[in-house]
Amino acid sequence: MEHRHRLRALQTFEAVSRLLSVADAAQELGVTQSAVSHQLRQLQEVIGERLVQKNGRGITLTEAGRNLARRLQPAFAEIDRSVAESIGGIRGRTRLAVCSSFGPAWLVPRLARFYEAYPWIDLQILMYARDPELTDAIGDAFVTTLPRDSGYHAQFLWAERLVPVVSRLLLQRHGHQGPFNLITTELEAGREGADWRMYAQASGLPDMKPACGHWYYASHYVIARDMVRQNLGAALLPDFLVEDDLGAGHMDLLGNGCVFTQEDYHLCIKQSRRQEPALEALSRWFKSEMGEARRVAG
């Protein structure tokens, strides 16, 4: 209660912490940059901690600033939603955060059906490289393999299944037995090639070694897929990511084996927001698409 009279300063800091720019925050709030700086100084004096610091030509948050921003950003997002609901407004955008393999390979080919079914939803698709912290400051809904955040409902989509693929050109050149250069997405020291070892164990095969004597590394499945397309070697990739390449004859499976990574895909939505019309519709659409995919597969 004692900090309510600091609401303007808190609002100013929230904007700065989100935009990491005094100038951009001033533009968003409709005030001068000096006014933003003044509010930041006042808030830092009250809290007794530095919240921002210079970093070259920009600014970054201190540890105290990050801790405060982590609480303020969802709080102000909730205020915005409450005001919109109270006056009958509709949220401007619904932000769906997806990983780099899921977005282009699975989601985008199905987007036309979503737009047709829900033309009133202004869907904003955000792509991330690493599983993000689930927070309103980042997105309204998330497709993630790590649904561990409390307060979020995790709707199961499917289990990640990796299949061994190689370009048709290399397969014609070397046959199914290879040898092939092997592309791994396991980069952690001591775990290089762990995906191929897991595959070999699951398939009852001897430990697999790259033909060239060393691994080819890719930090993300989409990079490994493009390396396969360029005839650089074989890779273990999610089945949905290579479905089109296999269907078009650009790639072939190296065998009938596969490996389940236990990193299952989920749609995550905050429990308190599941009844919002746009998020409820998004959840319903995913259920429909997954039901159709299972019907076709079955």
C-alpha atoms as a PDB file:
ATOM      1  CA  MET A   1       0.000   0.000   0.000  1.00  0.00           C
ATOM      2  CA  GLU A   2       2.794   2.442   0.859  1.00  0.00           C
ATOM      3  CA  HIS A   3       4.137   2.395  -2.725  1.00  0.00           C
ATOM      4  CA  ARG A   4       0.836   3.182  -4.474  1.00  0.00           C
ATOM      5  CA  HIS A   5       1.790   6.845  -4.695  1.00  0.00           C
ATOM      6  CA  ARG A   6       4.842   5.659  -6.691  1.00  0.00           C
ATOM      7  CA  LEU A   7       2.638   4.151  -9.395  1.00  0.00           C
ATOM      8  CA  ARG A   8       3.909   6.571 -12.072  1.00  0.00           C
ATOM      9  CA  ALA A   9       7.524   5.690 -11.244  1.00  0.00           C
ATOM     10  CA  LEU A  10       6.710   1.967 -11.284  1.00  0.00           C
ATOM     11  CA  GLN A  11       4.941   2.328 -14.620  1.00  0.00           C
ATOM     12  CA  THR A  12       7.930   4.197 -15.996  1.00  0.00           C
ATOM     13  CA  PHE A  13      10.369   1.535 -14.841  1.00  0.00           C
ATOM     14  CA  GLU A  14       8.162  -1.235 -16.259  1.00  0.00           C
ATOM     15  CA  ALA A  15       8.296   0.394 -19.686  1.00  0.00           C
ATOM     16  CA  VAL A  16      12.066   0.902 -19.475  1.00  0.00           C
ATOM     17  CA  SER A  17      12.640  -2.692 -18.315  1.00  0.00           C
ATOM     18  CA  ARG A  18      10.563  -4.048 -21.192  1.00  0.00           C
ATOM     19  CA  LEU A  19      11.987  -1.830 -23.922  1.00  0.00           C
ATOM     20  CA  LEU A  20      15.504  -1.391 -22.475  1.00  0.00           C
ATOM     21  CA  SER A  21      15.482   2.156 -23.801  1.00  0.00           C
ATOM     22  CA  VAL A  22      14.737   5.445 -22.085  1.00  0.00           C
ATOM     23  CA  ALA A  23      13.853   7.034 -25.432  1.00  0.00           C
ATOM     24  CA  ASP A  24      11.437   4.255 -26.421  1.00  0.00           C
ATOM     25  CA  ALA A  25       9.844   4.277 -22.970  1.00  0.00           C
ATOM     26  CA  ALA A  26       9.364   8.040 -23.161  1.00  0.00           C
ATOM     27  CA  GLN A  27       7.692   7.684 -26.561  1.00  0.00           C
ATOM     28  CA  GLU A  28       5.386   4.923 -25.320  1.00  0.00           C
ATOM     29  CA  LEU A  29       4.409   6.893 -22.207  1.00  0.00           C
ATOM     30  CA  GLY A  30       4.074  10.197 -24.044  1.00  0.00           C
ATOM     31  CA  VAL A  31       6.571  12.061 -21.856  1.00  0.00           C
ATOM     32  CA  THR A  32      10.071  13.461 -22.265  1.00  0.00           C
ATOM     33  CA  GLN A  33      13.234  11.423 -21.758  1.00  0.00           C
ATOM     34  CA  SER A  34      14.198  13.653 -18.842  1.00  0.00           C
ATOM     35  CA  ALA A  35      10.857  12.856 -17.178  1.00  0.00           C
ATOM     36  CA  VAL A  36      11.587   9.135 -17.535  1.00  0.00           C
ATOM     37  CA  SER A  37      15.070   9.575 -16.068  1.00  0.00           C
ATOM     38  CA  HIS A  38      13.613  11.615 -13.180  1.00  0.00           C
ATOM     39  CA  GLN A  39      11.065   8.891 -12.348  1.00  0.00           C
ATOM     40  CA  LEU A  40      13.797   6.230 -12.456  1.00  0.00           C
ATOM     41  CA  ARG A  41      15.981   8.215 -10.070  1.00  0.00           C
ATOM     42  CA  GLN A  42      13.085   8.715  -7.658  1.00  0.00           C
ATOM     43  CA  LEU A  43      12.233   5.012  -7.675  1.00  0.00           C
ATOM     44  CA  GLN A  44      15.856   4.002  -7.120  1.00  0.00           C
ATOM     45  CA  GLU A  45      16.089   6.390  -4.170  1.00  0.00           C
ATOM     46  CA  VAL A  46      12.953   4.918  -2.592  1.00  0.00           C
ATOM     47  CA  ILE A  47      14.062   1.308  -3.148  1.00  0.00           C
ATOM     48  CA  GLY A  48      17.677   1.975  -2.251  1.00  0.00           C
ATOM     49  CA  GLU A  49      18.984  -0.094  -5.179  1.00  0.00           C
ATOM     50  CA  ARG A  50      20.218   0.692  -8.675  1.00  0.00           C
ATOM     51  CA  LEU A  51      17.743  -0.736 -11.164  1.00  0.00           C
ATOM     52  CA  VAL A  52      19.391   0.104 -14.486  1.00  0.00           C
ATOM     53  CA  GLN A  53      22.936   0.680 -15.624  1.00  0.00           C
ATOM     54  CA  LYS A  54      24.608   1.857 -18.804  1.00  0.00           C
ATOM     55  CA  ASN A  55      25.890  -0.748 -21.247  1.00  0.00           C
ATOM     56  CA  GLY A  56      27.705   0.925 -24.103  1.00  0.00           C
ATOM     57  CA  ARG A  57      25.156   3.148 -25.782  1.00  0.00           C
ATOM     58  CA  GLY A  58      22.245   1.261 -24.240  1.00  0.00           C
ATOM     59  CA  ILE A  59      21.117   0.181 -20.802  1.00  0.00           C
ATOM     60  CA  THR A  60      20.705  -3.111 -18.972  1.00  0.00           C
ATOM     61  CA  LEU A  61      18.924  -4.105 -15.793  1.00  0.00           C
ATOM     62  CA  THR A  62      20.782  -4.814 -12.574  1.00  0.00           C
ATOM     63  CA  GLU A  63      19.894  -7.916 -10.599  1.00  0.00           C
ATOM     64  CA  ALA A  64      17.527  -5.818  -8.467  1.00  0.00           C
ATOM     65  CA  GLY A  65      16.045  -4.383 -11.658  1.00  0.00           C
ATOM     66  CA  ARG A  66      15.471  -7.832 -13.146  1.00  0.00           C
ATOM     67  CA  ASN A  67      13.787  -9.028  -9.959  1.00  0.00           C
ATOM     68  CA  LEU A  68      11.460  -6.032  -9.900  1.00  0.00           C
ATOM     69  CA  ALA A  69      10.721  -6.233 -13.648  1.00  0.00           C
ATOM     70  CA  ARG A  70       9.831  -9.920 -13.321  1.00  0.00           C
ATOM     71  CA  ARG A  71       6.987  -8.923 -11.008  1.00  0.00           C
ATOM     72  CA  LEU A  72       5.937  -5.626 -12.540  1.00  0.00           C
ATOM     73  CA  GLN A  73       5.611  -6.707 -16.184  1.00  0.00           C
ATOM     74  CA  PRO A  74       2.912  -9.361 -15.560  1.00  0.00           C
ATOM     75  CA  ALA A  75       1.175  -7.010 -13.104  1.00  0.00           C
ATOM     76  CA  PHE A  76       0.861  -4.180 -15.627  1.00  0.00           C
ATOM     77  CA  ALA A  77      -0.196  -6.642 -18.337  1.00  0.00           C
ATOM     78  CA  GLU A  78      -2.983  -7.778 -15.997  1.00  0.00           C
ATOM     79  CA  ILE A  79      -4.023  -4.171 -15.411  1.00  0.00           C
ATOM     80  CA  ASP A  80      -4.262  -3.637 -19.183  1.00  0.00           C
ATOM     81  CA  ARG A  81      -6.435  -6.740 -19.546  1.00  0.00           C
ATOM     82  CA  SER A  82      -8.684  -5.743 -16.650  1.00  0.00           C
ATOM     83  CA  VAL A  83      -9.281  -2.286 -18.077  1.00  0.00           C
ATOM     84  CA  ALA A  84     -10.037  -3.721 -21.537  1.00  0.00           C
ATOM     85  CA  GLU A  85     -12.504  -6.250 -20.085  1.00  0.00           C
ATOM     86  CA  SER A  86     -14.243  -3.650 -17.920  1.00  0.00           C
ATOM     87  CA  ILE A  87     -15.003  -1.418 -20.907  1.00  0.00           C
ATOM     88  CA  GLY A  88     -15.836  -4.276 -23.238  1.00  0.00           C
ATOM     89  CA  GLY A  89     -12.611  -4.038 -25.203  1.00  0.00           C
ATOM     90  CA  ILE A  90     -10.824  -6.867 -26.992  1.00  0.00           C
ATOM     91  CA  ARG A  91      -7.127  -7.518 -26.605  1.00  0.00           C
ATOM     92  CA  GLY A  92      -5.292  -6.128 -29.631  1.00  0.00           C
ATOM     93  CA  ARG A  93      -3.086  -9.147 -30.240  1.00  0.00           C
ATOM     94  CA  THR A  94      -2.739 -12.721 -29.055  1.00  0.00           C
ATOM     95  CA  ARG A  95       0.942 -13.595 -28.842  1.00  0.00           C
ATOM     96  CA  LEU A  96       1.874 -17.224 -29.480  1.00  0.00           C
ATOM     97  CA  ALA A  97       5.537 -18.044 -28.748  1.00  0.00           C
ATOM     98  CA  VAL A  98       6.871 -21.108 -30.578  1.00  0.00           C
ATOM     99  CA  CYS A  99      10.245 -22.797 -31.019  1.00  0.00           C
ATOM    100  CA  SER A 100      12.206 -22.472 -34.244  1.00  0.00           C
ATOM    101  CA  SER A 101      11.411 -25.975 -35.538  1.00  0.00           C
ATOM    102  CA  PHE A 102       7.719 -26.020 -34.612  1.00  0.00           C
ATOM    103  CA  GLY A 103       6.830 -22.664 -36.180  1.00  0.00           C
ATOM    104  CA  PRO A 104       7.942 -23.108 -39.816  1.00  0.00           C
ATOM    105  CA  ALA A 105       7.404 -26.871 -40.065  1.00  0.00           C
ATOM    106  CA  TRP A 106       4.124 -27.492 -38.226  1.00  0.00           C
ATOM    107  CA  LEU A 107       2.336 -24.245 -37.483  1.00  0.00           C
ATOM    108  CA  VAL A 108       2.765 -22.164 -40.644  1.00  0.00           C
ATOM    109  CA  PRO A 109       1.349 -24.804 -43.037  1.00  0.00           C
ATOM    110  CA  ARG A 110      -1.819 -24.896 -40.906  1.00  0.00           C
ATOM    111  CA  LEU A 111      -2.242 -21.169 -40.311  1.00  0.00           C
ATOM    112  CA  ALA A 112      -4.712 -20.680 -43.162  1.00  0.00           C
ATOM    113  CA  ARG A 113      -7.173 -22.940 -41.349  1.00  0.00           C
ATOM    114  CA  PHE A 114      -6.719 -20.958 -38.142  1.00  0.00           C
ATOM    115  CA  TYR A 115      -7.302 -17.607 -39.879  1.00  0.00           C
ATOM    116  CA  GLU A 116     -10.383 -19.003 -41.587  1.00  0.00           C
ATOM    117  CA  ALA A 117     -11.830 -20.375 -38.348  1.00  0.00           C
ATOM    118  CA  TYR A 118     -10.987 -17.341 -36.172  1.00  0.00           C
ATOM    119  CA  PRO A 119     -10.723 -14.194 -38.312  1.00  0.00           C
ATOM    120  CA  TRP A 120     -11.351 -12.015 -35.245  1.00  0.00           C
ATOM    121  CA  ILE A 121      -8.106 -13.116 -33.560  1.00  0.00           C
ATOM    122  CA  ASP A 122      -5.065 -11.011 -34.407  1.00  0.00           C
ATOM    123  CA  LEU A 123      -2.448 -13.729 -33.911  1.00  0.00           C
ATOM    124  CA  GLN A 124       1.131 -12.586 -33.420  1.00  0.00           C
ATOM    125  CA  ILE A 125       3.648 -15.419 -33.783  1.00  0.00           C
ATOM    126  CA  LEU A 126       6.912 -15.059 -31.880  1.00  0.00           C
ATOM    127  CA  MET A 127       9.798 -17.465 -32.442  1.00  0.00           C
ATOM    128  CA  TYR A 128      12.338 -18.257 -29.757  1.00  0.00           C
ATOM    129  CA  ALA A 129      15.624 -20.168 -29.864  1.00  0.00           C
ATOM    130  CA  ARG A 130      15.569 -21.438 -26.275  1.00  0.00           C
ATOM    131  CA  ASP A 131      12.588 -22.325 -24.142  1.00  0.00           C
ATOM    132  CA  PRO A 132      11.587 -19.010 -22.561  1.00  0.00           C
ATOM    133  CA  GLU A 133      10.376 -18.223 -19.092  1.00  0.00           C
ATOM    134  CA  LEU A 134       6.602 -18.461 -19.165  1.00  0.00           C
ATOM    135  CA  THR A 135       5.410 -14.956 -18.409  1.00  0.00           C
ATOM    136  CA  ASP A 136       2.837 -12.501 -19.750  1.00  0.00           C
ATOM    137  CA  ALA A 137       5.696 -10.163 -20.594  1.00  0.00           C
ATOM    138  CA  ILE A 138       6.830 -12.582 -23.342  1.00  0.00           C
ATOM    139  CA  GLY A 139       3.655 -14.173 -24.684  1.00  0.00           C
ATOM    140  CA  ASP A 140       0.031 -15.069 -24.063  1.00  0.00           C
ATOM    141  CA  ALA A 141       0.463 -18.725 -25.037  1.00  0.00           C
ATOM    142  CA  PHE A 142       3.528 -20.908 -25.545  1.00  0.00           C
ATOM    143  CA  VAL A 143       4.360 -24.091 -27.387  1.00  0.00           C
ATOM    144  CA  THR A 144       7.182 -25.546 -25.316  1.00  0.00           C
ATOM    145  CA  THR A 145       8.813 -28.816 -24.330  1.00  0.00           C
ATOM    146  CA  LEU A 146       9.317 -27.607 -20.748  1.00  0.00           C
ATOM    147  CA  PRO A 147       5.846 -27.071 -19.204  1.00  0.00           C
ATOM    148  CA  ARG A 148       7.091 -26.778 -15.636  1.00  0.00           C
ATOM    149  CA  ASP A 149       6.067 -23.268 -14.616  1.00  0.00           C
ATOM    150  CA  SER A 150       3.520 -23.139 -11.811  1.00  0.00           C
ATOM    151  CA  GLY A 151       0.293 -21.361 -12.598  1.00  0.00           C
ATOM    152  CA  TYR A 152       0.223 -22.578 -16.219  1.00  0.00           C
ATOM    153  CA  HIS A 153      -2.015 -25.206 -17.782  1.00  0.00           C
ATOM    154  CA  ALA A 154      -0.039 -27.538 -20.089  1.00  0.00           C
ATOM    155  CA  GLN A 155      -2.106 -29.028 -22.915  1.00  0.00           C
ATOM    156  CA  PHE A 156      -0.321 -32.065 -24.354  1.00  0.00           C
ATOM    157  CA  LEU A 157       0.189 -31.928 -28.119  1.00  0.00           C
ATOM    158  CA  TRP A 158       2.486 -34.841 -28.981  1.00  0.00           C
ATOM    159  CA  ALA A 159       5.660 -36.649 -28.005  1.00  0.00           C
ATOM    160  CA  GLU A 160       8.819 -35.620 -29.824  1.00  0.00           C
ATOM    161  CA  ARG A 161       9.984 -38.436 -32.081  1.00  0.00           C
ATOM    162  CA  LEU A 162      13.330 -38.242 -33.864  1.00  0.00           C
ATOM    163  CA  VAL A 163      13.934 -40.164 -37.096  1.00  0.00           C
ATOM    164  CA  PRO A 164      17.258 -40.682 -38.941  1.00  0.00           C
ATOM    165  CA  VAL A 165      17.298 -38.937 -42.313  1.00  0.00           C
ATOM    166  CA  VAL A 166      19.780 -38.370 -45.106  1.00  0.00           C
ATOM    167  CA  SER A 167      19.517 -36.734 -48.506  1.00  0.00           C
ATOM    168  CA  ARG A 168      18.482 -39.014 -51.362  1.00  0.00           C
ATOM    169  CA  LEU A 169      21.674 -38.116 -53.209  1.00  0.00           C
ATOM    170  CA  LEU A 170      23.877 -39.395 -50.377  1.00  0.00           C
ATOM    171  CA  LEU A 171      21.716 -42.488 -49.960  1.00  0.00           C
ATOM    172  CA  GLN A 172      22.063 -43.331 -53.653  1.00  0.00           C
ATOM    173  CA  ARG A 173      25.799 -42.759 -53.405  1.00  0.00           C
ATOM    174  CA  HIS A 174      26.532 -44.789 -50.251  1.00  0.00           C
ATOM    175  CA  GLY A 175      23.522 -47.077 -49.687  1.00  0.00           C
ATOM    176  CA  HIS A 176      21.657 -47.552 -46.416  1.00  0.00           C
ATOM    177  CA  GLN A 177      24.743 -48.851 -44.616  1.00  0.00           C
ATOM    178  CA  GLY A 178      26.755 -45.720 -45.328  1.00  0.00           C
ATOM    179  CA  PRO A 179      29.200 -44.667 -44.148  1.00  0.00           C
ATOM    180  CA  PHE A 180      27.804 -41.166 -43.517  1.00  0.00           C
ATOM    181  CA  ASN A 181      28.978 -38.090 -41.729  1.00  0.00           C
ATOM    182  CA  LEU A 182      26.715 -37.641 -38.711  1.00  0.00           C
ATOM    183  CA  ILE A 183      25.158 -34.348 -37.629  1.00  0.00           C
ATOM    184  CA  THR A 184      24.382 -34.007 -33.927  1.00  0.00           C
ATOM    185  CA  THR A 185      22.319 -31.408 -32.078  1.00  0.00           C
ATOM    186  CA  GLU A 186      23.874 -32.397 -28.744  1.00  0.00           C
ATOM    187  CA  LEU A 187      26.547 -29.741 -28.179  1.00  0.00           C
ATOM    188  CA  GLU A 188      27.063 -29.998 -24.420  1.00  0.00           C
ATOM    189  CA  ALA A 189      30.600 -31.000 -23.502  1.00  0.00           C
ATOM    190  CA  GLY A 190      30.729 -34.720 -22.806  1.00  0.00           C
ATOM    191  CA  ARG A 191      27.386 -35.350 -24.519  1.00  0.00           C
ATOM    192  CA  GLU A 192      28.428 -34.848 -28.139  1.00  0.00           C
ATOM    193  CA  GLY A 193      26.549 -37.326 -30.309  1.00  0.00           C
ATOM    194  CA  ALA A 194      24.290 -38.430 -27.435  1.00  0.00           C
ATOM    195  CA  ASP A 195      21.286 -38.323 -29.779  1.00  0.00           C
ATOM    196  CA  TRP A 196      22.867 -40.909 -32.083  1.00  0.00           C
ATOM    197  CA  ARG A 197      23.910 -43.111 -29.167  1.00  0.00           C
ATOM    198  CA  MET A 198      20.347 -42.992 -27.854  1.00  0.00           C
ATOM    199  CA  TYR A 199      19.057 -43.917 -31.313  1.00  0.00           C
ATOM    200  CA  ALA A 200      21.487 -46.815 -31.650  1.00  0.00           C
ATOM    201  CA  GLN A 201      20.497 -48.180 -28.244  1.00  0.00           C
ATOM    202  CA  ALA A 202      16.776 -47.873 -28.981  1.00  0.00           C
ATOM    203  CA  SER A 203      17.215 -49.557 -32.373  1.00  0.00           C
ATOM    204  CA  GLY A 204      19.491 -52.353 -31.190  1.00  0.00           C
ATOM    205  CA  LEU A 205      22.377 -51.089 -33.313  1.00  0.00           C
ATOM    206  CA  PRO A 206      26.074 -50.829 -32.462  1.00  0.00           C
ATOM    207  CA  ASP A 207      27.331 -47.437 -31.342  1.00  0.00           C
ATOM    208  CA  MET A 208      27.347 -45.117 -34.339  1.00  0.00           C
ATOM    209  CA  LYS A 209      30.411 -43.102 -35.293  1.00  0.00           C
ATOM    210  CA  PRO A 210      30.689 -40.381 -37.949  1.00  0.00           C
ATOM    211  CA  ALA A 211      32.475 -41.490 -41.129  1.00  0.00           C
ATOM    212  CA  CYS A 212      34.818 -38.502 -41.131  1.00  0.00           C
ATOM    213  CA  GLY A 213      35.982 -39.206 -37.580  1.00  0.00           C
ATOM    214  CA  HIS A 214      34.321 -36.185 -35.975  1.00  0.00           C
ATOM    215  CA  TRP A 215      30.816 -34.866 -35.485  1.00  0.00           C
ATOM    216  CA  TYR A 216      29.147 -32.112 -37.451  1.00  0.00           C
ATOM    217  CA  TYR A 217      27.364 -29.838 -34.980  1.00  0.00           C
ATOM    218  CA  ALA A 218      24.104 -27.906 -35.246  1.00  0.00           C
ATOM    219  CA  SER A 219      22.542 -26.003 -32.348  1.00  0.00           C
ATOM    220  CA  HIS A 220      18.981 -26.324 -33.699  1.00  0.00           C
ATOM    221  CA  TYR A 221      16.978 -28.886 -35.623  1.00  0.00           C
ATOM    222  CA  VAL A 222      16.259 -26.453 -38.463  1.00  0.00           C
ATOM    223  CA  ILE A 223      19.990 -25.936 -39.011  1.00  0.00           C
ATOM    224  CA  ALA A 224      20.602 -29.698 -38.985  1.00  0.00           C
ATOM    225  CA  ARG A 225      17.778 -30.155 -41.503  1.00  0.00           C
ATOM    226  CA  ASP A 226      19.352 -27.620 -43.875  1.00  0.00           C
ATOM    227  CA  MET A 227      22.714 -29.373 -43.485  1.00  0.00           C
ATOM    228  CA  VAL A 228      21.059 -32.617 -44.560  1.00  0.00           C
ATOM    229  CA  ARG A 229      19.535 -30.816 -47.533  1.00  0.00           C
ATOM    230  CA  GLN A 230      23.052 -29.698 -48.503  1.00  0.00           C
ATOM    231  CA  ASN A 231      24.254 -33.339 -48.523  1.00  0.00           C
ATOM    232  CA  LEU A 232      26.550 -32.834 -45.535  1.00  0.00           C
ATOM    233  CA  GLY A 233      25.450 -35.948 -43.669  1.00  0.00           C
ATOM    234  CA  ALA A 234      22.690 -37.708 -41.751  1.00  0.00           C
ATOM    235  CA  ALA A 235      20.775 -36.244 -38.792  1.00  0.00           C
ATOM    236  CA  LEU A 236      18.170 -37.242 -36.224  1.00  0.00           C
ATOM    237  CA  LEU A 237      15.266 -34.821 -36.654  1.00  0.00           C
ATOM    238  CA  PRO A 238      11.659 -34.486 -35.462  1.00  0.00           C
ATOM    239  CA  ASP A 239       9.369 -36.406 -37.797  1.00  0.00           C
ATOM    240  CA  PHE A 240       7.120 -33.388 -38.425  1.00  0.00           C
ATOM    241  CA  LEU A 241      10.128 -31.283 -39.448  1.00  0.00           C
ATOM    242  CA  VAL A 242      11.132 -33.593 -42.324  1.00  0.00           C
ATOM    243  CA  GLU A 243       7.670 -34.736 -43.407  1.00  0.00           C
ATOM    244  CA  ASP A 244       7.650 -32.541 -46.535  1.00  0.00           C
ATOM    245  CA  ASP A 245      11.231 -33.423 -47.521  1.00  0.00           C
ATOM    246  CA  LEU A 246      10.465 -37.122 -47.224  1.00  0.00           C
ATOM    247  CA  GLY A 247       7.244 -36.766 -49.182  1.00  0.00           C
ATOM    248  CA  ALA A 248       8.964 -34.818 -51.968  1.00  0.00           C
ATOM    249  CA  GLY A 249      11.778 -37.355 -52.237  1.00  0.00           C
ATOM    250  CA  HIS A 250      14.500 -34.949 -51.139  1.00  0.00           C
ATOM    251  CA  MET A 251      15.337 -37.084 -48.096  1.00  0.00           C
ATOM    252  CA  ASP A 252      15.034 -40.719 -47.099  1.00  0.00           C
ATOM    253  CA  LEU A 253      14.909 -42.567 -43.808  1.00  0.00           C
ATOM    254  CA  LEU A 254      18.001 -44.565 -42.914  1.00  0.00           C
ATOM    255  CA  GLY A 255      15.866 -47.251 -41.341  1.00  0.00           C
ATOM    256  CA  ASN A 256      12.641 -47.924 -39.478  1.00  0.00           C
ATOM    257  CA  GLY A 257      14.062 -46.967 -36.093  1.00  0.00           C
ATOM    258  CA  CYS A 258      13.296 -43.832 -34.101  1.00  0.00           C
ATOM    259  CA  VAL A 259      13.900 -42.372 -30.677  1.00  0.00           C
ATOM    260  CA  PHE A 260      11.505 -40.589 -28.316  1.00  0.00           C
ATOM    261  CA  THR A 261      13.319 -37.788 -26.506  1.00  0.00           C
ATOM    262  CA  GLN A 262      10.797 -37.369 -23.643  1.00  0.00           C
ATOM    263  CA  GLU A 263      10.700 -33.650 -24.547  1.00  0.00           C
ATOM    264  CA  ASP A 264       7.003 -33.625 -25.362  1.00  0.00           C
ATOM    265  CA  TYR A 265       5.327 -30.586 -26.920  1.00  0.00           C
ATOM    266  CA  HIS A 266       2.679 -28.730 -24.912  1.00  0.00           C
ATOM    267  CA  LEU A 267       0.557 -25.645 -25.397  1.00  0.00           C
ATOM    268  CA  CYS A 268       0.925 -23.628 -22.188  1.00  0.00           C
ATOM    269  CA  ILE A 269      -1.572 -20.986 -21.105  1.00  0.00           C
ATOM    270  CA  LYS A 270      -1.800 -19.261 -17.742  1.00  0.00           C
ATOM    271  CA  GLN A 271      -4.477 -20.882 -15.585  1.00  0.00           C
ATOM    272  CA  SER A 272      -6.063 -17.532 -14.750  1.00  0.00           C
ATOM    273  CA  ARG A 273      -6.396 -16.656 -18.454  1.00  0.00           C
ATOM    274  CA  ARG A 274      -7.691 -19.910 -19.948  1.00  0.00           C
ATOM    275  CA  GLN A 275     -11.243 -18.556 -20.230  1.00  0.00           C
ATOM    276  CA  GLU A 276     -10.246 -15.536 -22.321  1.00  0.00           C
ATOM    277  CA  PRO A 277     -12.048 -15.937 -25.679  1.00  0.00           C
ATOM    278  CA  ALA A 278      -8.948 -15.754 -27.889  1.00  0.00           C
ATOM    279  CA  LEU A 279      -6.900 -18.158 -25.760  1.00  0.00           C
ATOM    280  CA  GLU A 280      -9.832 -20.528 -25.372  1.00  0.00           C
ATOM    281  CA  ALA A 281     -10.224 -20.523 -29.160  1.00  0.00           C
ATOM    282  CA  LEU A 282      -6.501 -21.134 -29.654  1.00  0.00           C
ATOM    283  CA  SER A 283      -6.626 -24.123 -27.317  1.00  0.00           C
ATOM    284  CA  ARG A 284      -9.689 -25.474 -29.101  1.00  0.00           C
ATOM    285  CA  TRP A 285      -7.995 -25.087 -32.506  1.00  0.00           C
ATOM    286  CA  PHE A 286      -4.908 -27.007 -31.361  1.00  0.00           C
ATOM    287  CA  LYS A 287      -7.127 -29.827 -30.074  1.00  0.00           C
ATOM    288  CA  SER A 288      -8.891 -29.957 -33.435  1.00  0.00           C
ATOM    289  CA  GLU A 289      -5.635 -30.004 -35.411  1.00  0.00           C
ATOM    290  CA  MET A 290      -4.086 -32.686 -33.239  1.00  0.00           C
ATOM    291  CA  GLY A 291      -7.246 -34.792 -33.497  1.00  0.00           C
ATOM    292  CA  GLU A 292      -7.136 -34.524 -37.279  1.00  0.00           C
ATOM    293  CA  ALA A 293      -3.429 -35.421 -37.362  1.00  0.00           C
ATOM    294  CA  ARG A 294      -4.031 -38.531 -35.249  1.00  0.00           C
ATOM    295  CA  ARG A 295      -7.012 -39.538 -37.418  1.00  0.00           C
ATOM    296  CA  VAL A 296      -4.908 -39.297 -40.601  1.00  0.00           C
ATOM    297  CA  ALA A 297      -1.986 -41.143 -38.990  1.00  0.00           C
ATOM    298  CA  GLY A 298      -4.299 -43.873 -37.722  1.00  0.00           C
END
